[in-house]
Every structure is written in C-alpha cells, then in structure tokens.
Amino acid sequence: YVTMAGPLQMAADLPETYNKFKDAFQFIKD
C-alpha cells in the first residue's frame, strides 16, 4: 500500500479473513 502508491487501493481479500487478523488489518484501514 506504500511501495506501490496510487490513488485507488483495494483490500482484496475476503471480510471473514480480515476479521481473523484484525490487528494487522488495522494498517490497511489507516
């Protein structure tokens, strides 16, 4: 999300997977 900068960024994985890694997912949110 930083090295491949662009004005359009997707969190591509499934919501249920992100819910298993909420602490790491925080970076994508931020």
PDB file of all heavy atoms in Angstrom:
ATOM      1  N   TYR A   1       0.821  -1.212   0.000  1.00  0.00           N
ATOM      2  CA  TYR A   1       0.000   0.000   0.000  1.00  0.00           C
ATOM      3  C   TYR A   1       0.854   1.261   0.000  1.00  0.00           C
ATOM      4  O   TYR A   1       0.375   2.344  -0.346  1.00  0.00           O
ATOM      5  CB  TYR A   1      -0.946  -0.004   1.201  1.00  0.00           C
ATOM      6  CG  TYR A   1      -2.010  -1.066   1.097  1.00  0.00           C
ATOM      7  CD1 TYR A   1      -1.821  -2.327   1.670  1.00  0.00           C
ATOM      8  CD2 TYR A   1      -3.191  -0.831   0.405  1.00  0.00           C
ATOM      9  CE1 TYR A   1      -2.789  -3.315   1.562  1.00  0.00           C
ATOM     10  CE2 TYR A   1      -4.159  -1.817   0.293  1.00  0.00           C
ATOM     11  CZ  TYR A   1      -3.950  -3.062   0.861  1.00  0.00           C
ATOM     12  OH  TYR A   1      -4.906  -4.039   0.740  1.00  0.00           O
ATOM     13  N   VAL A   2       2.120   1.117   0.361  1.00  0.00           N
ATOM     14  CA  VAL A   2       3.043   2.249   0.364  1.00  0.00           C
ATOM     15  C   VAL A   2       4.002   2.165  -0.819  1.00  0.00           C
ATOM     16  O   VAL A   2       4.228   3.150  -1.516  1.00  0.00           O
ATOM     17  CB  VAL A   2       3.839   2.310   1.684  1.00  0.00           C
ATOM     18  CG1 VAL A   2       4.729   3.555   1.719  1.00  0.00           C
ATOM     19  CG2 VAL A   2       2.902   2.298   2.886  1.00  0.00           C
ATOM     20  N   THR A   3       4.566   0.991  -1.071  1.00  0.00           N
ATOM     21  CA  THR A   3       5.576   0.878  -2.134  1.00  0.00           C
ATOM     22  C   THR A   3       4.958   0.986  -3.523  1.00  0.00           C
ATOM     23  O   THR A   3       5.614   1.436  -4.458  1.00  0.00           O
ATOM     24  CB  THR A   3       6.338  -0.453  -2.022  1.00  0.00           C
ATOM     25  OG1 THR A   3       5.430  -1.550  -2.156  1.00  0.00           O
ATOM     26  CG2 THR A   3       7.055  -0.548  -0.677  1.00  0.00           C
ATOM     27  N   MET A   4       3.700   0.569  -3.670  1.00  0.00           N
ATOM     28  CA  MET A   4       3.020   0.658  -4.970  1.00  0.00           C
ATOM     29  C   MET A   4       1.921   1.708  -4.873  1.00  0.00           C
ATOM     30  O   MET A   4       0.724   1.411  -4.935  1.00  0.00           O
ATOM     31  CB  MET A   4       2.472  -0.703  -5.386  1.00  0.00           C
ATOM     32  CG  MET A   4       3.568  -1.733  -5.567  1.00  0.00           C
ATOM     33  SD  MET A   4       3.001  -3.307  -6.226  1.00  0.00           S
ATOM     34  CE  MET A   4       2.431  -2.823  -7.850  1.00  0.00           C
ATOM     35  N   ALA A   5       2.351   2.944  -4.715  1.00  0.00           N
ATOM     36  CA  ALA A   5       1.426   4.048  -4.446  1.00  0.00           C
ATOM     37  C   ALA A   5       0.475   4.275  -5.609  1.00  0.00           C
ATOM     38  O   ALA A   5       0.836   4.130  -6.779  1.00  0.00           O
ATOM     39  CB  ALA A   5       2.209   5.325  -4.162  1.00  0.00           C
ATOM     40  N   GLY A   6      -0.746   4.647  -5.262  1.00  0.00           N
ATOM     41  CA  GLY A   6      -1.744   5.005  -6.263  1.00  0.00           C
ATOM     42  C   GLY A   6      -2.992   5.501  -5.568  1.00  0.00           C
ATOM     43  O   GLY A   6      -3.249   5.160  -4.404  1.00  0.00           O
ATOM     44  N   PRO A   7      -3.810   6.284  -6.262  1.00  0.00           N
ATOM     45  CA  PRO A   7      -4.996   6.860  -5.642  1.00  0.00           C
ATOM     46  C   PRO A   7      -6.168   5.888  -5.530  1.00  0.00           C
ATOM     47  O   PRO A   7      -7.225   6.254  -5.029  1.00  0.00           O
ATOM     48  CB  PRO A   7      -5.343   8.007  -6.586  1.00  0.00           C
ATOM     49  CG  PRO A   7      -4.911   7.501  -7.917  1.00  0.00           C
ATOM     50  CD  PRO A   7      -3.654   6.708  -7.664  1.00  0.00           C
ATOM     51  N   LEU A   8      -5.977   4.673  -6.029  1.00  0.00           N
ATOM     52  CA  LEU A   8      -7.006   3.652  -5.959  1.00  0.00           C
ATOM     53  C   LEU A   8      -6.380   2.407  -5.342  1.00  0.00           C
ATOM     54  O   LEU A   8      -5.467   1.816  -5.935  1.00  0.00           O
ATOM     55  CB  LEU A   8      -7.547   3.344  -7.354  1.00  0.00           C
ATOM     56  CG  LEU A   8      -8.679   2.321  -7.422  1.00  0.00           C
ATOM     57  CD1 LEU A   8      -9.974   2.909  -6.848  1.00  0.00           C
ATOM     58  CD2 LEU A   8      -8.909   1.862  -8.855  1.00  0.00           C
ATOM     59  N   GLN A   9      -6.822   2.015  -4.150  1.00  0.00           N
ATOM     60  CA  GLN A   9      -6.237   0.871  -3.457  1.00  0.00           C
ATOM     61  C   GLN A   9      -7.344  -0.031  -2.945  1.00  0.00           C
ATOM     62  O   GLN A   9      -8.286   0.417  -2.305  1.00  0.00           O
ATOM     63  CB  GLN A   9      -5.360   1.333  -2.286  1.00  0.00           C
ATOM     64  CG  GLN A   9      -4.120   2.100  -2.684  1.00  0.00           C
ATOM     65  CD  GLN A   9      -3.023   1.232  -3.284  1.00  0.00           C
ATOM     66  OE1 GLN A   9      -3.157   0.012  -3.385  1.00  0.00           O
ATOM     67  NE2 GLN A   9      -1.924   1.862  -3.676  1.00  0.00           N
ATOM     68  N   MET A  10      -7.187  -1.316  -3.214  1.00  0.00           N
ATOM     69  CA  MET A  10      -8.182  -2.300  -2.789  1.00  0.00           C
ATOM     70  C   MET A  10      -7.648  -3.142  -1.634  1.00  0.00           C
ATOM     71  O   MET A  10      -6.467  -3.518  -1.625  1.00  0.00           O
ATOM     72  CB  MET A  10      -8.531  -3.226  -3.958  1.00  0.00           C
ATOM     73  CG  MET A  10      -9.642  -4.223  -3.633  1.00  0.00           C
ATOM     74  SD  MET A  10      -9.993  -5.337  -5.016  1.00  0.00           S
ATOM     75  CE  MET A  10     -11.590  -5.990  -4.504  1.00  0.00           C
ATOM     76  N   ALA A  11      -8.515  -3.434  -0.675  1.00  0.00           N
ATOM     77  CA  ALA A  11      -8.269  -4.506   0.281  1.00  0.00           C
ATOM     78  C   ALA A  11      -8.941  -5.733  -0.325  1.00  0.00           C
ATOM     79  O   ALA A  11     -10.161  -5.902  -0.242  1.00  0.00           O
ATOM     80  CB  ALA A  11      -8.848  -4.168   1.642  1.00  0.00           C
ATOM     81  N   ALA A  12      -8.146  -6.578  -0.975  1.00  0.00           N
ATOM     82  CA  ALA A  12      -8.705  -7.541  -1.919  1.00  0.00           C
ATOM     83  C   ALA A  12      -9.237  -8.818  -1.288  1.00  0.00           C
ATOM     84  O   ALA A  12     -10.064  -9.499  -1.891  1.00  0.00           O
ATOM     85  CB  ALA A  12      -7.658  -7.889  -2.977  1.00  0.00           C
ATOM     86  N   ASP A  13      -8.787  -9.176  -0.099  1.00  0.00           N
ATOM     87  CA  ASP A  13      -9.197 -10.449   0.499  1.00  0.00           C
ATOM     88  C   ASP A  13     -10.629 -10.359   1.031  1.00  0.00           C
ATOM     89  O   ASP A  13     -11.266  -9.304   1.007  1.00  0.00           O
ATOM     90  CB  ASP A  13      -8.221 -10.848   1.602  1.00  0.00           C
ATOM     91  CG  ASP A  13      -8.016 -12.362   1.668  1.00  0.00           C
ATOM     92  OD1 ASP A  13      -8.963 -13.104   1.341  1.00  0.00           O
ATOM     93  OD2 ASP A  13      -6.919 -12.809   2.070  1.00  0.00           O
ATOM     94  N   LEU A  14     -11.109 -11.468   1.535  1.00  0.00           N
ATOM     95  CA  LEU A  14     -12.494 -11.564   1.979  1.00  0.00           C
ATOM     96  C   LEU A  14     -12.663 -10.984   3.382  1.00  0.00           C
ATOM     97  O   LEU A  14     -11.770 -11.111   4.232  1.00  0.00           O
ATOM     98  CB  LEU A  14     -12.953 -13.018   1.971  1.00  0.00           C
ATOM     99  CG  LEU A  14     -12.753 -13.803   0.667  1.00  0.00           C
ATOM    100  CD1 LEU A  14     -13.453 -15.153   0.762  1.00  0.00           C
ATOM    101  CD2 LEU A  14     -13.258 -13.029  -0.540  1.00  0.00           C
ATOM    102  N   PRO A  15     -13.799 -10.369   3.672  1.00  0.00           N
ATOM    103  CA  PRO A  15     -14.036  -9.795   5.001  1.00  0.00           C
ATOM    104  C   PRO A  15     -13.839 -10.795   6.135  1.00  0.00           C
ATOM    105  O   PRO A  15     -13.276 -10.454   7.182  1.00  0.00           O
ATOM    106  CB  PRO A  15     -15.489  -9.323   4.917  1.00  0.00           C
ATOM    107  CG  PRO A  15     -15.692  -8.996   3.478  1.00  0.00           C
ATOM    108  CD  PRO A  15     -14.899 -10.032   2.740  1.00  0.00           C
ATOM    109  N   GLU A  16     -14.275 -12.032   5.950  1.00  0.00           N
ATOM    110  CA  GLU A  16     -14.126 -13.015   7.024  1.00  0.00           C
ATOM    111  C   GLU A  16     -12.665 -13.317   7.333  1.00  0.00           C
ATOM    112  O   GLU A  16     -12.316 -13.653   8.473  1.00  0.00           O
ATOM    113  CB  GLU A  16     -14.881 -14.310   6.686  1.00  0.00           C
ATOM    114  CG  GLU A  16     -14.536 -14.941   5.349  1.00  0.00           C
ATOM    115  CD  GLU A  16     -15.504 -14.564   4.239  1.00  0.00           C
ATOM    116  OE1 GLU A  16     -15.953 -13.395   4.213  1.00  0.00           O
ATOM    117  OE2 GLU A  16     -15.796 -15.435   3.389  1.00  0.00           O
ATOM    118  N   THR A  17     -11.796 -13.182   6.324  1.00  0.00           N
ATOM    119  CA  THR A  17     -10.363 -13.379   6.575  1.00  0.00           C
ATOM    120  C   THR A  17      -9.781 -12.196   7.330  1.00  0.00           C
ATOM    121  O   THR A  17      -8.995 -12.369   8.274  1.00  0.00           O
ATOM    122  CB  THR A  17      -9.625 -13.596   5.247  1.00  0.00           C
ATOM    123  OG1 THR A  17     -10.120 -14.784   4.625  1.00  0.00           O
ATOM    124  CG2 THR A  17      -8.120 -13.740   5.472  1.00  0.00           C
ATOM    125  N   TYR A  18     -10.146 -10.999   6.941  1.00  0.00           N
ATOM    126  CA  TYR A  18      -9.664  -9.817   7.664  1.00  0.00           C
ATOM    127  C   TYR A  18     -10.110  -9.834   9.120  1.00  0.00           C
ATOM    128  O   TYR A  18      -9.380  -9.389  10.013  1.00  0.00           O
ATOM    129  CB  TYR A  18     -10.140  -8.541   6.974  1.00  0.00           C
ATOM    130  CG  TYR A  18      -9.452  -8.260   5.663  1.00  0.00           C
ATOM    131  CD1 TYR A  18     -10.174  -7.872   4.537  1.00  0.00           C
ATOM    132  CD2 TYR A  18      -8.069  -8.384   5.544  1.00  0.00           C
ATOM    133  CE1 TYR A  18      -9.550  -7.602   3.333  1.00  0.00           C
ATOM    134  CE2 TYR A  18      -7.431  -8.129   4.333  1.00  0.00           C
ATOM    135  CZ  TYR A  18      -8.176  -7.738   3.232  1.00  0.00           C
ATOM    136  OH  TYR A  18      -7.540  -7.483   2.043  1.00  0.00           O
ATOM    137  N   ASN A  19     -11.282 -10.381   9.374  1.00  0.00           N
ATOM    138  CA  ASN A  19     -11.767 -10.437  10.752  1.00  0.00           C
ATOM    139  C   ASN A  19     -10.945 -11.387  11.620  1.00  0.00           C
ATOM    140  O   ASN A  19     -10.995 -11.307  12.854  1.00  0.00           O
ATOM    141  CB  ASN A  19     -13.241 -10.841  10.777  1.00  0.00           C
ATOM    142  CG  ASN A  19     -14.152  -9.713  10.323  1.00  0.00           C
ATOM    143  OD1 ASN A  19     -13.822  -8.537  10.470  1.00  0.00           O
ATOM    144  ND2 ASN A  19     -15.304 -10.062   9.750  1.00  0.00           N
ATOM    145  N   LYS A  20     -10.183 -12.275  10.992  1.00  0.00           N
ATOM    146  CA  LYS A  20      -9.286 -13.166  11.736  1.00  0.00           C
ATOM    147  C   LYS A  20      -7.966 -12.479  12.090  1.00  0.00           C
ATOM    148  O   LYS A  20      -7.227 -12.962  12.946  1.00  0.00           O
ATOM    149  CB  LYS A  20      -8.987 -14.417  10.909  1.00  0.00           C
ATOM    150  CG  LYS A  20     -10.190 -15.295  10.623  1.00  0.00           C
ATOM    151  CD  LYS A  20      -9.782 -16.459   9.721  1.00  0.00           C
ATOM    152  CE  LYS A  20     -10.977 -17.313   9.339  1.00  0.00           C
ATOM    153  NZ  LYS A  20     -10.587 -18.410   8.399  1.00  0.00           N
ATOM    154  N   PHE A  21      -7.656 -11.393  11.397  1.00  0.00           N
ATOM    155  CA  PHE A  21      -6.375 -10.701  11.593  1.00  0.00           C
ATOM    156  C   PHE A  21      -6.627  -9.208  11.798  1.00  0.00           C
ATOM    157  O   PHE A  21      -6.046  -8.364  11.119  1.00  0.00           O
ATOM    158  CB  PHE A  21      -5.465 -10.905  10.375  1.00  0.00           C
ATOM    159  CG  PHE A  21      -5.139 -12.335  10.064  1.00  0.00           C
ATOM    160  CD1 PHE A  21      -5.915 -13.055   9.153  1.00  0.00           C
ATOM    161  CD2 PHE A  21      -4.069 -12.978  10.671  1.00  0.00           C
ATOM    162  CE1 PHE A  21      -5.621 -14.373   8.849  1.00  0.00           C
ATOM    163  CE2 PHE A  21      -3.764 -14.300  10.373  1.00  0.00           C
ATOM    164  CZ  PHE A  21      -4.541 -15.004   9.471  1.00  0.00           C
ATOM    165  N   LYS A  22      -7.504  -8.891  12.735  1.00  0.00           N
ATOM    166  CA  LYS A  22      -7.923  -7.504  12.899  1.00  0.00           C
ATOM    167  C   LYS A  22      -6.773  -6.580  13.263  1.00  0.00           C
ATOM    168  O   LYS A  22      -6.758  -5.405  12.864  1.00  0.00           O
ATOM    169  CB  LYS A  22      -9.024  -7.416  13.952  1.00  0.00           C
ATOM    170  CG  LYS A  22     -10.352  -7.984  13.488  1.00  0.00           C
ATOM    171  CD  LYS A  22     -11.439  -7.776  14.527  1.00  0.00           C
ATOM    172  CE  LYS A  22     -12.783  -8.290  14.023  1.00  0.00           C
ATOM    173  NZ  LYS A  22     -13.861  -8.092  15.017  1.00  0.00           N
ATOM    174  N   ASP A  23      -5.787  -7.083  14.008  1.00  0.00           N
ATOM    175  CA  ASP A  23      -4.672  -6.212  14.398  1.00  0.00           C
ATOM    176  C   ASP A  23      -3.823  -5.831  13.191  1.00  0.00           C
ATOM    177  O   ASP A  23      -3.409  -4.678  13.038  1.00  0.00           O
ATOM    178  CB  ASP A  23      -3.817  -6.866  15.488  1.00  0.00           C
ATOM    179  CG  ASP A  23      -3.314  -8.255  15.123  1.00  0.00           C
ATOM    180  OD1 ASP A  23      -3.717  -8.805  14.080  1.00  0.00           O
ATOM    181  OD2 ASP A  23      -2.508  -8.812  15.907  1.00  0.00           O
ATOM    182  N   ALA A  24      -3.577  -6.774  12.289  1.00  0.00           N
ATOM    183  CA  ALA A  24      -2.810  -6.461  11.074  1.00  0.00           C
ATOM    184  C   ALA A  24      -3.644  -5.670  10.076  1.00  0.00           C
ATOM    185  O   ALA A  24      -3.136  -4.778   9.381  1.00  0.00           O
ATOM    186  CB  ALA A  24      -2.299  -7.746  10.429  1.00  0.00           C
ATOM    187  N   PHE A  25      -4.930  -5.969  10.019  1.00  0.00           N
ATOM    188  CA  PHE A  25      -5.839  -5.258   9.111  1.00  0.00           C
ATOM    189  C   PHE A  25      -5.910  -3.771   9.445  1.00  0.00           C
ATOM    190  O   PHE A  25      -6.224  -2.945   8.575  1.00  0.00           O
ATOM    191  CB  PHE A  25      -7.227  -5.896   9.192  1.00  0.00           C
ATOM    192  CG  PHE A  25      -8.236  -5.312   8.253  1.00  0.00           C
ATOM    193  CD1 PHE A  25      -8.024  -5.297   6.882  1.00  0.00           C
ATOM    194  CD2 PHE A  25      -9.426  -4.771   8.740  1.00  0.00           C
ATOM    195  CE1 PHE A  25      -8.964  -4.765   6.019  1.00  0.00           C
ATOM    196  CE2 PHE A  25     -10.374  -4.238   7.882  1.00  0.00           C
ATOM    197  CZ  PHE A  25     -10.143  -4.236   6.517  1.00  0.00           C
ATOM    198  N   GLN A  26      -5.576  -3.421  10.682  1.00  0.00           N
ATOM    199  CA  GLN A  26      -5.618  -2.021  11.092  1.00  0.00           C
ATOM    200  C   GLN A  26      -4.742  -1.153  10.197  1.00  0.00           C
ATOM    201  O   GLN A  26      -5.094   0.000   9.904  1.00  0.00           O
ATOM    202  CB  GLN A  26      -5.182  -1.884  12.552  1.00  0.00           C
ATOM    203  CG  GLN A  26      -5.336  -0.478  13.118  1.00  0.00           C
ATOM    204  CD  GLN A  26      -6.784  -0.030  13.179  1.00  0.00           C
ATOM    205  OE1 GLN A  26      -7.664  -0.791  13.584  1.00  0.00           O
ATOM    206  NE2 GLN A  26      -7.045   1.207  12.775  1.00  0.00           N
ATOM    207  N   PHE A  27      -3.608  -1.683   9.737  1.00  0.00           N
ATOM    208  CA  PHE A  27      -2.747  -0.883   8.860  1.00  0.00           C
ATOM    209  C   PHE A  27      -3.453  -0.533   7.557  1.00  0.00           C
ATOM    210  O   PHE A  27      -3.360   0.607   7.078  1.00  0.00           O
ATOM    211  CB  PHE A  27      -1.438  -1.615   8.555  1.00  0.00           C
ATOM    212  CG  PHE A  27      -0.511  -0.800   7.684  1.00  0.00           C
ATOM    213  CD1 PHE A  27       0.298   0.169   8.232  1.00  0.00           C
ATOM    214  CD2 PHE A  27      -0.477  -0.987   6.309  1.00  0.00           C
ATOM    215  CE1 PHE A  27       1.129   0.952   7.437  1.00  0.00           C
ATOM    216  CE2 PHE A  27       0.345  -0.216   5.501  1.00  0.00           C
ATOM    217  CZ  PHE A  27       1.147   0.755   6.069  1.00  0.00           C
ATOM    218  N   ILE A  28      -4.172  -1.486   6.968  1.00  0.00           N
ATOM    219  CA  ILE A  28      -4.899  -1.212   5.723  1.00  0.00           C
ATOM    220  C   ILE A  28      -5.964  -0.155   5.969  1.00  0.00           C
ATOM    221  O   ILE A  28      -6.201   0.721   5.125  1.00  0.00           O
ATOM    222  CB  ILE A  28      -5.515  -2.495   5.151  1.00  0.00           C
ATOM    223  CG1 ILE A  28      -4.416  -3.520   4.835  1.00  0.00           C
ATOM    224  CG2 ILE A  28      -6.325  -2.194   3.891  1.00  0.00           C
ATOM    225  CD1 ILE A  28      -4.930  -4.835   4.288  1.00  0.00           C
ATOM    226  N   LYS A  29      -6.612  -0.208   7.124  1.00  0.00           N
ATOM    227  CA  LYS A  29      -7.617   0.794   7.468  1.00  0.00           C
ATOM    228  C   LYS A  29      -6.988   2.179   7.606  1.00  0.00           C
ATOM    229  O   LYS A  29      -7.589   3.188   7.231  1.00  0.00           O
ATOM    230  CB  LYS A  29      -8.324   0.412   8.771  1.00  0.00           C
ATOM    231  CG  LYS A  29      -9.181  -0.828   8.657  1.00  0.00           C
ATOM    232  CD  LYS A  29      -9.622  -1.365  10.023  1.00  0.00           C
ATOM    233  CE  LYS A  29     -10.476  -0.371  10.785  1.00  0.00           C
ATOM    234  NZ  LYS A  29     -10.992  -0.943  12.048  1.00  0.00           N
ATOM    235  N   ASP A  30      -5.776   2.227   8.153  1.00  0.00           N
ATOM    236  CA  ASP A  30      -5.135   3.506   8.458  1.00  0.00           C
ATOM    237  C   ASP A  30      -4.430   4.141   7.261  1.00  0.00           C
ATOM    238  O   ASP A  30      -4.376   5.370   7.149  1.00  0.00           O
ATOM    239  CB  ASP A  30      -4.102   3.328   9.577  1.00  0.00           C
ATOM    240  CG  ASP A  30      -4.728   2.993  10.920  1.00  0.00           C
ATOM    241  OD1 ASP A  30      -5.928   3.261  11.093  1.00  0.00           O
ATOM    242  OD2 ASP A  30      -4.010   2.453  11.785  1.00  0.00           O
TER     243      ASP A  30
END
